[in-house]
N, C-alpha and C. Protein backbone atom coordinates (compact mmCIF):
# COMPACT_ATOMS: atom_id res chain seq x y z
N MET A 1 26.43 -20.91 -5.03
CA MET A 1 25.99 -19.99 -3.82
C MET A 1 24.47 -19.70 -3.13
N LEU A 2 23.92 -19.76 -2.89
CA LEU A 2 22.81 -19.07 -2.68
C LEU A 2 22.94 -17.67 -2.08
N ARG A 3 21.96 -16.60 -2.61
CA ARG A 3 22.00 -14.69 -2.00
C ARG A 3 20.85 -14.58 -1.33
N ALA A 4 20.84 -13.96 -0.40
CA ALA A 4 19.53 -13.54 0.47
C ALA A 4 18.75 -12.69 -0.42
N ILE A 5 17.86 -12.81 -0.38
CA ILE A 5 16.89 -11.68 -1.52
C ILE A 5 15.94 -10.50 -0.05
N HIS A 6 15.87 -9.51 -0.35
CA HIS A 6 15.52 -8.62 0.44
C HIS A 6 14.62 -8.19 -0.09
N LEU A 7 13.62 -8.76 0.71
CA LEU A 7 12.08 -8.56 0.26
C LEU A 7 11.69 -6.79 1.56
N PRO A 8 10.39 -6.42 0.69
CA PRO A 8 10.28 -4.79 1.46
C PRO A 8 9.45 -5.67 3.27
N VAL A 9 9.05 -6.76 2.61
CA VAL A 9 8.70 -8.03 4.05
C VAL A 9 9.58 -7.56 5.73
N ARG A 10 10.90 -7.54 4.80
CA ARG A 10 11.93 -7.32 5.90
C ARG A 10 11.55 -6.27 6.77
N SER A 11 11.13 -5.33 6.00
CA SER A 11 11.40 -3.48 6.75
C SER A 11 10.30 -3.31 7.52
N VAL A 12 8.85 -4.03 6.80
CA VAL A 12 7.79 -3.83 7.72
C VAL A 12 7.78 -4.57 9.28
N LEU A 13 8.56 -5.70 9.13
CA LEU A 13 8.61 -6.67 10.18
C LEU A 13 9.37 -5.93 11.03
N ARG A 14 10.26 -5.32 10.73
CA ARG A 14 11.25 -4.52 11.31
C ARG A 14 10.62 -3.36 12.29
N TRP A 15 9.46 -3.23 12.40
CA TRP A 15 8.58 -1.97 12.55
C TRP A 15 8.06 -2.15 13.96
N LYS A 16 8.32 -3.61 14.28
CA LYS A 16 8.22 -4.01 16.35
C LYS A 16 6.44 -3.54 16.51
N GLY A 17 6.07 -4.87 15.47
CA GLY A 17 4.71 -5.06 15.69
C GLY A 17 3.59 -4.10 15.07
N ARG A 18 4.06 -2.73 14.87
CA ARG A 18 3.24 -1.40 14.92
C ARG A 18 2.41 -1.87 13.52
N PHE A 19 2.63 -2.37 12.66
CA PHE A 19 2.06 -2.58 11.56
C PHE A 19 2.46 -4.28 11.02
N SER A 20 1.39 -5.04 11.30
CA SER A 20 1.35 -6.47 11.01
C SER A 20 1.12 -7.14 9.36
N LEU A 21 1.74 -7.54 9.61
CA LEU A 21 1.60 -8.57 7.98
C LEU A 21 0.45 -8.49 6.84
N ALA A 22 -0.79 -8.49 8.15
CA ALA A 22 -1.77 -8.21 7.39
C ALA A 22 -2.17 -7.33 6.54
N ARG A 23 -2.03 -6.23 7.70
CA ARG A 23 -2.21 -4.93 7.49
C ARG A 23 -1.54 -4.16 5.96
N PHE A 24 0.01 -4.46 5.69
CA PHE A 24 0.74 -4.89 4.67
C PHE A 24 0.15 -5.45 3.28
N PHE A 25 -0.22 -6.61 3.34
CA PHE A 25 -1.26 -7.44 2.57
C PHE A 25 -2.25 -6.48 1.83
N ALA A 26 -3.45 -6.01 2.81
CA ALA A 26 -4.24 -5.65 2.71
C ALA A 26 -4.44 -4.31 2.62
N MET A 27 -2.98 -3.06 2.73
CA MET A 27 -2.36 -2.02 1.51
C MET A 27 -2.69 -2.61 0.53
N ARG A 28 -1.86 -3.32 0.41
CA ARG A 28 -1.38 -4.13 -1.48
C ARG A 28 -1.87 -4.10 -1.98
N ARG A 29 -3.34 -4.64 -1.47
CA ARG A 29 -4.20 -5.00 -2.27
C ARG A 29 -5.42 -4.10 -2.75
N THR A 30 -5.58 -3.14 -1.82
CA THR A 30 -6.57 -1.51 -1.65
C THR A 30 -6.14 -1.22 -2.61
N ARG A 31 -4.59 -0.90 -2.93
CA ARG A 31 -3.53 0.34 -3.68
C ARG A 31 -4.00 -0.29 -5.07
N ALA A 32 -3.87 -1.55 -5.28
CA ALA A 32 -3.91 -2.46 -6.85
C ALA A 32 -5.40 -2.22 -7.06
N ARG A 33 -6.08 -2.38 -6.37
CA ARG A 33 -7.87 -2.21 -7.25
C ARG A 33 -8.55 -0.76 -7.00
N LEU A 34 -7.66 -0.20 -6.37
CA LEU A 34 -7.76 1.82 -6.39
C LEU A 34 -7.37 1.69 -7.93
N SER A 35 -6.45 1.49 -8.64
CA SER A 35 -5.98 1.56 -9.64
C SER A 35 -7.14 1.66 -10.74
N LEU A 36 -7.80 -0.10 -10.45
CA LEU A 36 -8.69 -0.40 -11.65
C LEU A 36 -9.96 0.45 -11.44
N LEU A 37 -10.29 1.45 -10.87
CA LEU A 37 -11.83 2.33 -10.64
C LEU A 37 -11.90 2.68 -11.86
N ASP A 38 -13.45 3.28 -12.17
CA ASP A 38 -13.57 3.65 -13.21
C ASP A 38 -13.27 5.19 -12.82
N ASP A 39 -13.39 6.00 -13.74
CA ASP A 39 -14.11 7.55 -13.41
C ASP A 39 -14.63 8.03 -12.23
N HIS A 40 -15.95 7.72 -12.58
CA HIS A 40 -17.16 7.85 -11.75
C HIS A 40 -16.96 7.06 -10.28
N LEU A 41 -16.39 6.26 -10.05
CA LEU A 41 -16.54 5.37 -8.93
C LEU A 41 -14.42 6.61 -8.41
N LEU A 42 -14.10 7.01 -8.97
CA LEU A 42 -12.98 8.24 -8.28
C LEU A 42 -13.40 9.11 -8.12
N ARG A 43 -14.32 9.52 -8.65
CA ARG A 43 -15.08 11.05 -8.70
C ARG A 43 -16.46 11.18 -7.16
N ASP A 44 -16.68 9.68 -7.19
CA ASP A 44 -17.65 9.68 -5.71
C ASP A 44 -16.74 9.60 -4.26
N ILE A 45 -15.33 8.73 -4.74
CA ILE A 45 -14.63 9.14 -3.21
C ILE A 45 -13.71 10.53 -3.29
N GLY A 46 -14.04 11.38 -4.20
CA GLY A 46 -13.33 12.69 -4.11
C GLY A 46 -11.77 12.40 -4.90
N LEU A 47 -11.35 11.57 -5.73
CA LEU A 47 -9.95 11.27 -6.28
C LEU A 47 -9.98 11.44 -7.90
N THR A 48 -9.50 12.41 -8.49
CA THR A 48 -8.78 12.33 -9.81
C THR A 48 -8.24 10.50 -10.38
N ARG A 49 -7.75 10.58 -11.20
CA ARG A 49 -7.36 9.73 -11.34
C ARG A 49 -5.68 9.42 -11.54
N GLU A 50 -5.23 10.99 -11.46
CA GLU A 50 -3.52 11.18 -11.31
C GLU A 50 -3.43 10.65 -9.92
N GLU A 51 -3.91 11.47 -9.29
CA GLU A 51 -4.08 10.85 -7.94
C GLU A 51 -4.24 9.50 -7.20
N ALA A 52 -5.34 8.83 -7.96
CA ALA A 52 -5.65 7.61 -7.85
C ALA A 52 -4.09 6.05 -8.31
N ALA A 53 -3.63 7.03 -9.17
CA ALA A 53 -2.38 6.24 -9.98
C ALA A 53 -0.89 6.93 -8.60
N ARG A 54 -1.20 7.82 -8.57
CA ARG A 54 -0.28 8.20 -7.78
C ARG A 54 -0.13 7.46 -6.42
N GLU A 55 -1.51 7.22 -5.80
CA GLU A 55 -1.56 6.27 -4.48
C GLU A 55 -1.06 5.10 -4.88
N ALA A 56 -1.63 4.63 -6.24
CA ALA A 56 -1.78 3.18 -5.91
C ALA A 56 0.11 2.43 -6.46
N ALA A 57 0.76 3.50 -6.71
CA ALA A 57 2.40 3.36 -7.10
C ALA A 57 2.86 3.53 -5.96
N ARG A 58 2.54 3.81 -4.46
CA ARG A 58 2.94 3.75 -3.75
C ARG A 58 3.25 2.55 -2.72
N CYS A 59 5.04 2.18 -1.86
CA CYS A 59 4.58 0.91 -1.72
C CYS A 59 4.23 0.52 -0.87
N SER A 60 3.95 0.29 -0.55
CA SER A 60 3.01 -1.17 0.60
C SER A 60 3.25 -0.47 1.84
N TRP A 61 4.73 -0.56 2.33
CA TRP A 61 4.76 -0.42 3.54
C TRP A 61 4.62 1.13 4.14
N ASP A 62 4.66 2.36 2.78
CA ASP A 62 4.78 3.72 2.76
C ASP A 62 3.06 3.94 3.08
N ALA A 63 2.87 3.76 4.83
CA ALA A 63 1.33 4.14 5.19
C ALA A 63 1.56 5.29 6.06
N PRO A 64 -0.46 5.92 5.59
CA PRO A 64 -0.06 7.35 6.56
C PRO A 64 0.13 6.50 7.96
N ARG A 65 0.53 7.63 9.08
CA ARG A 65 1.07 7.65 10.53
C ARG A 65 0.05 7.06 11.00
N HIS A 66 -1.53 7.55 10.71
CA HIS A 66 -2.68 6.81 11.76
C HIS A 66 -2.61 5.48 11.35
N TRP A 67 -2.79 5.39 10.38
CA TRP A 67 -2.48 3.44 10.28
C TRP A 67 -1.48 2.83 10.92
N LEU A 68 -0.80 3.21 11.43
CA LEU A 68 0.36 2.59 12.41
C LEU A 68 -0.22 2.78 13.90
N GLU A 69 -1.41 3.70 14.19
CA GLU A 69 -1.35 3.43 15.51
C GLU A 69 -2.46 2.52 16.25
């Protein structure tokens, strides 16, 4: 018997087009790369290592409201 796989993408698609699939993957990619930055690069953008780690750990569909408009 096959079981349904519940993916986060389903949640994104329920947002009635306000958040495109491309943005979802772009945010996932950006957050992953943020965790790879060196400390001096993080200082350049005004983040600490802890802030970068916290942002990188967020779910891909958890976007700031102004990104959804």
